[in-house]
Protein backbone atom coordinates (compact mmCIF):
# COMPACT_ATOMS: atom_id res chain seq x y z
CA MET A 1 153.15 130.49 23.14
CA SER A 2 154.13 131.03 26.69
CA PRO A 3 151.61 130.58 29.34
CA ALA A 4 152.25 133.99 31.11
CA ILE A 5 151.35 135.82 27.63
CA GLY A 6 147.79 137.44 28.60
CA ALA A 7 147.52 135.57 31.88
CA THR A 8 147.27 137.89 35.25
CA LEU A 9 150.37 137.25 37.41
CA ASN A 10 150.85 138.42 40.86
CA ARG A 11 153.67 140.80 41.48
CA VAL A 12 156.84 139.32 43.41
CA ASP A 13 156.89 142.24 46.01
CA GLY A 14 153.30 142.91 45.48
CA ARG A 15 152.00 141.19 49.06
CA PHE A 16 154.80 143.00 50.88
CA LYS A 17 154.08 146.44 49.55
CA VAL A 18 150.37 146.44 49.96
CA ARG A 19 150.89 145.08 53.57
CA GLY A 20 153.27 147.48 54.56
CA GLU A 21 155.92 145.37 55.03
CA SER A 22 158.46 146.19 52.06
CA ARG A 23 162.03 147.62 53.54
CA TYR A 24 162.92 150.85 52.11
CA SER A 25 166.48 152.06 52.89
CA ALA A 26 165.39 154.61 55.68
CA GLU A 27 163.58 151.93 57.23
CA VAL A 28 165.89 149.08 57.86
CA PRO A 29 166.50 148.41 61.71
CA VAL A 30 169.85 149.13 62.88
CA THR A 31 171.44 149.09 66.12
CA ASN A 32 173.06 152.06 67.64
CA LEU A 33 171.77 153.92 64.67
CA THR A 34 172.50 157.75 64.75
CA HIS A 35 170.93 160.47 61.93
CA ALA A 36 172.81 162.77 59.89
CA VAL A 37 171.44 165.66 57.69
CA LEU A 38 172.78 167.99 55.21
CA VAL A 39 173.38 171.74 55.39
CA ASN A 40 173.17 173.33 52.13
CA ALA A 41 174.65 176.51 50.72
CA LYS A 42 172.66 179.56 50.34
CA ILE A 43 174.93 180.71 47.55
CA ALA A 44 174.94 179.83 43.99
CA ASN A 45 178.56 180.48 43.47
CA GLY A 46 181.58 181.47 45.33
CA ARG A 47 183.65 180.22 48.34
CA ILE A 48 183.25 180.17 52.59
CA THR A 49 185.20 182.48 54.50
CA ASP A 50 184.04 181.41 57.85
CA ILE A 51 181.89 178.49 59.28
CA ASP A 52 181.23 178.46 62.67
CA THR A 53 179.98 174.97 64.26
CA SER A 54 180.54 175.66 67.84
CA GLU A 55 177.11 176.13 68.99
CA ALA A 56 176.05 173.27 66.87
CA GLU A 57 178.61 171.16 68.25
CA ARG A 58 177.34 171.84 71.87
CA ALA A 59 173.90 171.03 71.02
CA GLU A 60 172.03 167.99 72.67
CA GLY A 61 172.81 164.74 71.23
CA VAL A 62 175.10 165.95 68.48
CA LEU A 63 178.00 163.65 67.96
CA ALA A 64 179.71 165.48 64.85
CA VAL A 65 179.58 168.41 62.85
CA LEU A 66 181.55 167.92 59.33
CA THR A 67 182.66 170.49 57.09
CA HIS A 68 185.45 170.77 54.40
CA ARG A 69 187.92 171.19 57.40
CA ASN A 70 187.42 168.01 59.25
CA LEU A 71 185.75 165.44 56.69
CA GLY A 72 187.93 162.75 55.16
CA ARG A 73 188.88 163.14 51.27
CA VAL A 74 188.10 160.99 48.85
CA ALA A 75 190.54 159.14 47.40
CA THR A 76 189.29 160.21 43.76
CA VAL A 77 186.12 160.99 41.62
CA PRO A 78 184.95 158.47 39.20
CA ARG A 79 184.72 159.35 35.72
CA LEU A 80 181.16 160.27 34.49
CA LEU A 81 179.22 157.44 33.01
CA PRO A 82 175.83 156.17 32.78
CA SER A 83 174.71 153.77 35.24
CA LEU A 84 173.81 151.09 32.26
CA ALA A 85 177.73 150.40 31.65
CA GLY A 86 177.67 148.43 35.01
CA LEU A 87 180.74 150.31 36.56
CA ALA A 88 180.85 153.33 38.93
CA ALA A 89 178.11 155.93 38.09
CA PRO A 90 178.64 158.91 39.78
CA GLY A 91 176.04 161.80 38.91
CA GLN A 92 178.96 164.34 38.49
CA THR A 93 182.17 164.57 38.53
CA PHE A 94 182.10 166.59 41.69
CA PHE A 95 182.21 165.56 45.28
CA PRO A 96 181.42 168.27 48.08
CA LEU A 97 182.96 168.98 51.35
CA GLN A 98 186.46 168.82 50.15
CA ASP A 99 187.20 172.49 49.92
CA GLU A 100 185.77 175.96 50.54
CA ASN A 101 184.21 176.58 46.94
CA VAL A 102 180.78 176.96 46.42
CA HIS A 103 179.49 175.87 42.72
CA TYR A 104 175.81 175.94 42.85
CA ALA A 105 173.09 176.81 45.53
CA GLY A 106 172.08 173.65 47.77
CA GLN A 107 175.79 172.15 47.56
CA PRO A 108 176.04 170.29 50.75
CA ILE A 109 178.34 172.29 53.12
CA ALA A 110 178.37 170.30 56.25
CA ILE A 111 176.75 167.70 58.04
CA VAL A 112 175.29 167.10 61.47
CA VAL A 113 175.36 163.54 63.28
CA ALA A 114 172.87 163.36 65.85
CA ASP A 115 171.17 160.59 68.02
CA THR A 116 168.00 161.49 66.55
CA ILE A 117 166.81 163.20 63.41
CA GLU A 118 165.59 166.12 65.33
CA ARG A 119 168.54 166.91 66.87
CA ALA A 120 170.60 166.94 63.83
CA ASP A 121 168.13 169.04 61.97
CA HIS A 122 167.98 171.57 65.01
CA ALA A 123 171.69 171.41 65.38
CA GLY A 124 171.98 172.25 61.47
CA THR A 125 170.17 175.67 62.16
CA LEU A 126 172.97 176.69 64.59
CA ILE A 127 175.83 176.59 62.28
CA ARG A 128 176.89 180.03 61.24
CA VAL A 129 178.37 180.51 57.72
CA ALA A 130 179.93 183.52 55.78
CA TYR A 131 180.49 183.69 52.11
CA GLU A 132 182.33 185.63 49.54
CA PRO A 133 179.88 185.44 46.49
CA ALA A 134 180.68 185.31 42.95
CA PRO A 135 178.68 186.00 39.92
CA ALA A 136 176.35 183.06 39.39
CA THR A 137 174.85 181.48 36.03
CA THR A 138 171.64 180.06 37.29
CA LEU A 139 169.60 180.80 33.83
CA LEU A 140 170.37 179.96 30.46
CA ASP A 141 169.87 183.14 28.91
CA GLN A 142 172.43 184.68 31.50
CA GLY A 143 175.28 182.50 29.90
CA ARG A 144 173.93 182.29 25.57
CA ASP A 145 176.96 184.05 24.98
CA ARG A 146 179.16 181.72 26.42
CA ALA A 147 177.42 178.60 24.79
CA TYR A 148 179.85 175.74 23.55
CA VAL A 149 179.61 172.80 21.33
CA PRO A 150 181.02 169.77 23.53
CA GLU A 151 182.95 166.93 21.68
CA ARG A 152 180.57 164.46 23.40
CA ILE A 153 177.68 164.64 25.77
CA PHE A 154 175.61 162.02 27.62
CA GLY A 155 178.71 160.38 29.75
CA GLY A 156 180.72 160.40 26.52
CA LEU A 157 178.40 158.27 24.78
CA LEU A 158 177.41 160.69 22.33
CA PRO A 159 178.65 163.03 19.75
CA GLY A 160 178.15 167.12 20.40
CA GLN A 161 177.31 167.17 16.77
CA ALA A 162 176.30 165.36 13.60
CA SER A 163 175.42 165.88 10.04
CA ARG A 164 174.49 164.24 6.72
CA GLY A 165 174.57 165.82 3.38
CA ASP A 166 174.52 169.56 2.53
CA VAL A 167 171.80 171.24 4.73
CA GLU A 168 172.44 174.53 3.62
CA LYS A 169 172.14 174.07 0.19
CA ALA A 170 169.20 172.02 0.51
CA LEU A 171 167.59 174.65 2.74
CA ALA A 172 168.48 177.28 0.15
CA GLU A 173 166.74 175.52 -2.53
CA ALA A 174 163.56 174.19 -0.50
CA ASP A 175 159.94 174.96 -1.79
CA VAL A 176 158.88 175.73 1.93
CA ARG A 177 160.88 176.57 4.92
CA VAL A 178 159.64 176.24 8.56
CA GLU A 179 161.44 177.71 11.49
CA ALA A 180 160.67 176.92 14.95
CA SER A 181 161.89 177.56 18.76
CA TYR A 182 160.66 175.46 21.73
CA ARG A 183 161.76 176.54 25.61
CA PHE A 184 161.87 173.76 28.28
CA ALA A 185 161.79 174.87 31.81
CA PRO A 186 163.86 172.57 34.23
CA ASN A 187 162.11 169.70 35.43
CA HIS A 188 162.88 167.78 38.75
CA HIS A 189 162.44 164.44 40.08
CA ASN A 190 160.25 164.03 43.10
CA PRO A 191 159.26 160.46 43.58
CA ILE A 192 157.60 159.31 46.70
CA GLU A 193 160.77 157.98 48.53
CA PRO A 194 163.78 160.59 48.66
CA GLY A 195 167.21 159.59 48.32
CA ALA A 196 168.32 157.61 51.56
CA SER A 197 171.48 155.66 52.84
CA THR A 198 172.40 153.96 55.55
CA ALA A 199 175.81 153.50 56.17
CA ILE A 200 177.30 150.43 58.71
CA TRP A 201 181.05 149.85 59.09
CA GLU A 202 181.59 146.15 60.09
CA ASP A 203 185.48 147.01 60.69
CA ALA A 204 187.93 149.40 59.23
CA ASP A 205 187.54 148.28 55.58
CA ARG A 206 184.06 146.36 55.24
CA LEU A 207 181.18 148.72 54.53
CA THR A 208 177.26 147.84 53.96
CA ILE A 209 175.14 150.39 52.57
CA TYR A 210 171.30 150.16 52.49
CA ASP A 211 170.30 152.66 49.69
CA SER A 212 167.50 153.64 47.50
CA THR A 213 169.37 153.09 44.18
CA GLN A 214 168.04 151.68 40.98
CA GLY A 215 171.66 150.21 40.60
CA PRO A 216 173.22 148.45 43.50
CA SER A 217 176.49 147.51 41.60
CA ALA A 218 176.86 151.09 40.17
CA ALA A 219 176.60 152.41 43.63
CA GLN A 220 179.02 150.09 45.05
CA PHE A 221 181.72 150.78 42.29
CA THR A 222 180.97 154.22 42.77
CA VAL A 223 181.36 154.36 46.73
CA ALA A 224 184.50 151.87 46.23
CA GLU A 225 186.03 154.42 44.20
CA LEU A 226 185.38 157.33 46.09
CA LEU A 227 186.53 155.59 49.32
CA GLY A 228 189.61 154.17 47.94
CA LEU A 229 188.47 150.64 48.72
CA PRO A 230 188.02 147.45 46.59
CA PRO A 231 184.36 146.82 45.75
CA ILE A 232 184.40 143.37 47.38
CA SER A 233 184.73 145.33 50.42
CA ILE A 234 181.66 147.22 50.06
CA ARG A 235 177.78 145.75 49.72
CA VAL A 236 175.06 147.82 48.61
CA VAL A 237 171.39 146.56 49.56
CA SER A 238 168.04 147.76 48.23
CA HIS A 239 165.19 146.19 48.99
CA ALA A 240 162.48 148.31 47.81
CA VAL A 241 163.13 151.61 45.78
CA GLY A 242 159.97 153.93 46.27
CA GLY A 243 160.09 155.39 42.73
CA SER A 244 163.25 157.02 40.63
CA PHE A 245 162.47 158.70 37.30
CA GLY A 246 166.00 158.67 36.64
CA SER A 247 167.07 160.42 40.16
CA LYS A 248 168.31 157.12 41.25
CA ALA A 249 169.88 155.87 38.28
CA MET A 250 173.24 157.41 38.78
CA VAL A 251 174.79 157.65 42.20
CA TRP A 252 174.81 160.86 43.98
CA HIS A 253 176.81 162.27 46.81
CA HIS A 254 174.93 160.70 49.96
CA PRO A 255 175.83 157.56 49.97
CA ALA A 256 179.62 158.18 50.35
CA LEU A 257 178.64 161.18 52.85
CA ALA A 258 176.74 158.75 54.97
CA ALA A 259 179.92 156.31 54.97
CA LEU A 260 182.31 158.93 55.66
CA ALA A 261 180.20 160.10 58.52
CA ALA A 262 179.56 156.85 59.80
CA ARG A 263 183.48 156.43 59.95
CA HIS A 264 184.25 159.37 61.48
CA VAL A 265 181.58 158.76 64.35
CA GLY A 266 182.14 154.98 64.64
CA ARG A 267 178.37 154.29 64.55
CA PRO A 268 176.32 153.52 61.65
CA VAL A 269 174.78 156.59 60.32
CA ARG A 270 171.45 157.15 58.36
CA LEU A 271 171.23 160.00 55.78
CA VAL A 272 167.85 160.88 54.34
CA LEU A 273 167.27 163.99 51.74
CA THR A 274 164.66 166.06 52.69
CA ARG A 275 162.03 167.02 50.16
CA GLU A 276 163.55 170.52 49.47
CA GLN A 277 166.90 168.83 48.88
CA MET A 278 165.68 166.51 46.21
CA PHE A 279 165.50 169.70 43.98
CA THR A 280 169.52 170.01 44.24
CA SER A 281 170.95 166.58 45.31
CA CYS A 282 170.02 164.38 42.28
CA GLY A 283 169.96 166.22 39.15
CA HIS A 284 167.15 167.07 36.90
CA ARG A 285 166.21 167.80 33.14
CA GLU A 286 168.28 170.69 32.13
CA GLU A 287 166.61 174.19 31.17
CA GLN A 288 166.78 173.91 27.41
CA GLU A 289 165.99 175.67 24.11
CA GLN A 290 165.51 173.69 20.85
CA ARG A 291 165.69 175.03 17.28
CA ILE A 292 164.31 173.09 14.46
CA THR A 293 164.34 174.28 10.69
CA ILE A 294 162.57 172.22 8.15
CA GLY A 295 163.39 172.43 4.37
CA ALA A 296 160.43 170.76 2.39
CA ARG A 297 159.10 170.13 -1.43
CA ALA A 298 155.74 171.38 -2.26
CA ASP A 299 154.21 168.03 -1.70
CA GLY A 300 155.78 168.38 1.83
CA ARG A 301 158.49 165.88 1.30
CA ILE A 302 161.38 166.74 3.60
CA THR A 303 164.70 168.00 2.08
CA ALA A 304 166.49 169.25 5.09
CA LEU A 305 166.18 169.18 8.61
CA ARG A 306 168.50 171.45 11.16
CA HIS A 307 167.91 170.72 14.67
CA HIS A 308 170.18 172.38 17.41
CA LYS A 309 169.72 172.11 21.30
CA ILE A 310 171.03 174.77 23.84
CA SER A 311 170.94 173.92 27.35
CA LEU A 312 172.58 174.66 30.90
CA THR A 313 174.98 172.11 32.48
CA SER A 314 177.15 172.08 35.44
CA PRO A 315 180.68 173.75 35.78
CA PHE A 316 182.16 170.08 35.72
CA ASP A 317 180.35 168.04 33.04
CA ASP A 318 179.18 168.03 29.62
CA TRP A 319 175.65 166.69 30.13
CA ALA A 320 172.78 167.25 27.51
CA GLU A 321 170.11 164.65 27.51
CA PRO A 322 170.23 162.97 24.23
CA SER A 323 167.25 165.17 22.48
CA LEU A 324 168.72 164.95 19.04
CA GLN A 325 169.06 161.15 18.24
CA SER A 326 165.32 159.88 17.30
CA ALA A 327 164.50 163.18 15.91
CA SER A 328 167.19 162.71 13.57
CA VAL A 329 166.11 159.41 11.75
CA ALA A 330 162.28 159.89 12.82
CA TYR A 331 161.59 160.97 9.18
CA THR A 332 163.56 160.74 5.63
CA SER A 333 165.86 163.49 5.28
CA PRO A 334 169.00 163.20 2.96
CA ASN A 335 170.40 166.41 4.75
CA TYR A 336 170.60 166.67 8.31
CA GLU A 337 172.51 168.51 11.22
CA GLY A 338 172.38 168.18 14.83
CA VAL A 339 174.18 170.30 17.18
CA TYR A 340 173.93 170.67 21.00
CA HIS A 341 175.12 173.95 22.55
CA LEU A 342 176.05 173.84 26.71
CA VAL A 343 176.60 176.66 28.90
CA ARG A 344 178.45 176.21 31.97
CA GLY A 345 176.09 177.23 34.67
CA ASN A 346 176.06 177.19 38.73
CA THR A 347 174.24 173.93 38.82
CA ILE A 348 174.30 170.10 39.91
CA THR A 349 174.88 167.97 36.71
CA PRO A 350 171.72 167.25 34.91
CA THR A 351 170.93 163.64 34.52
CA PHE A 352 168.18 161.02 33.11
CA MET A 353 164.69 162.34 33.43
CA ARG A 354 161.03 160.24 32.37
CA ALA A 355 160.62 160.54 29.63
CA PRO A 356 164.25 160.41 28.35
CA GLY A 357 165.37 163.28 26.15
CA GLU A 358 164.38 161.42 23.00
CA ALA A 359 160.60 162.83 24.24
CA SER A 360 162.09 166.27 24.46
CA GLY A 361 163.52 166.20 21.17
CA MET A 362 160.37 164.44 19.15
CA PHE A 363 157.89 166.89 20.83
CA ALA A 364 159.99 169.96 19.14
CA LEU A 365 160.31 167.94 15.93
CA GLU A 366 156.59 166.72 15.78
CA CYS A 367 155.36 170.60 16.53
CA ALA A 368 157.46 171.94 13.90
CA MET A 369 155.90 168.95 11.49
CA ASP A 370 152.31 170.38 12.37
CA GLU A 371 153.58 173.70 11.65
CA LEU A 372 154.83 172.44 7.89
CA ALA A 373 151.58 170.76 7.47
CA GLU A 374 149.45 173.79 8.16
CA ARG A 375 151.85 175.77 5.89
CA ILE A 376 151.17 173.50 2.92
CA GLY A 377 147.48 172.22 3.53
CA VAL A 378 148.19 168.84 4.07
CA ASP A 379 146.46 166.62 6.93
CA PRO A 380 149.44 166.07 9.55
CA LEU A 381 149.39 162.20 9.45
CA GLU A 382 149.36 162.44 5.76
CA LEU A 383 152.65 164.48 6.17
CA ARG A 384 154.25 162.06 8.22
CA MET A 385 153.39 159.11 5.80
CA ARG A 386 154.83 160.84 3.03
CA ASN A 387 158.06 161.16 4.79
CA TYR A 388 158.09 157.92 6.62
CA SER A 389 161.39 155.99 5.91
CA GLU A 390 161.64 152.06 5.60
CA THR A 391 165.38 152.17 6.77
CA ASP A 392 167.44 154.25 9.12
CA PRO A 393 168.61 157.49 6.89
CA GLU A 394 172.09 157.27 8.91
CA SER A 395 172.94 153.79 7.91
CA GLY A 396 170.66 152.60 4.97
CA HIS A 397 169.77 149.57 7.12
CA PRO A 398 166.13 148.24 7.39
CA TRP A 399 164.48 148.96 10.88
CA SER A 400 164.35 145.78 12.71
CA SER A 401 160.91 146.28 13.89
């Protein structure tokens, strides 16, 4: 037996954290540092017809005001891939400040760079923006009639629908049938440390970014693709991360925006998201509704399970958290149908959340199981044991543990 099992071990980073000595991405000392502040769109859909930055540019300490008119163009937008792939992992296949179009409220439309964070923040309030609004979809019910079944979800890793057996026939023949619907409000990450990036160009094609990220390699590959540089030219450092809960698993726009701003002003730039921007800048758990229909024999043994989910995604990506996968194999059911329905809305692309999508799917299924137990007058635990599966219903293989 390993001597570590059951022993009290000191955390490697514990001493530094309790002594206040840990370096976070917004605390790394940098010579000649400047500060960037994002200015966000106030509409959810439409276009910018005019943006007046003249007063902000004249404000004390301001080095630059960047908009879609003068910010450098990205080389490409990487394909949406979960960061677990070890490659580029953008949070969405859209990069802001490339044109005048607004796709969601909170989308960055300008960057102010100044010698202090206070001066940058003040100058951001001096920018005057005129919009041409367009109808927006910000709630699931507003776009329910436009729902579609995607071919794949979750960065392309999972199919949009799956089935086995004949659900319709089994439901029609079931002794007992339970139908239930569960609504989930959007959930947002808010760790103690917000997203933060400090970008330093050492020459024209060598960049160091101190970034608050769970995946330095994913940030390296993502920024490299956005800037059109080989990954070896970019060094990403993350000394400590002050919480994530999924918000720092994918790579959002602020590391590359900090790099573009630093290249423009010729000095290191630090960009820290505000608490308000954390609600619009690094994904969220999508608004969703799950509908479950269970068909069972009189003794409670499940003969059919239908599990449909409808949720709000962005205009760019077919993202849904994987709510159906675990629920589809939790209990023995020879007949199953699971379908994801998506509604394109004016929102940033959703992302990983703690707990993962398996939690929301199992919550819905277990609630429906309790409904079934009550309907047939069986103890809820006994119902679950009657439907316990020794093998994976999909493959027939025994569970490994």
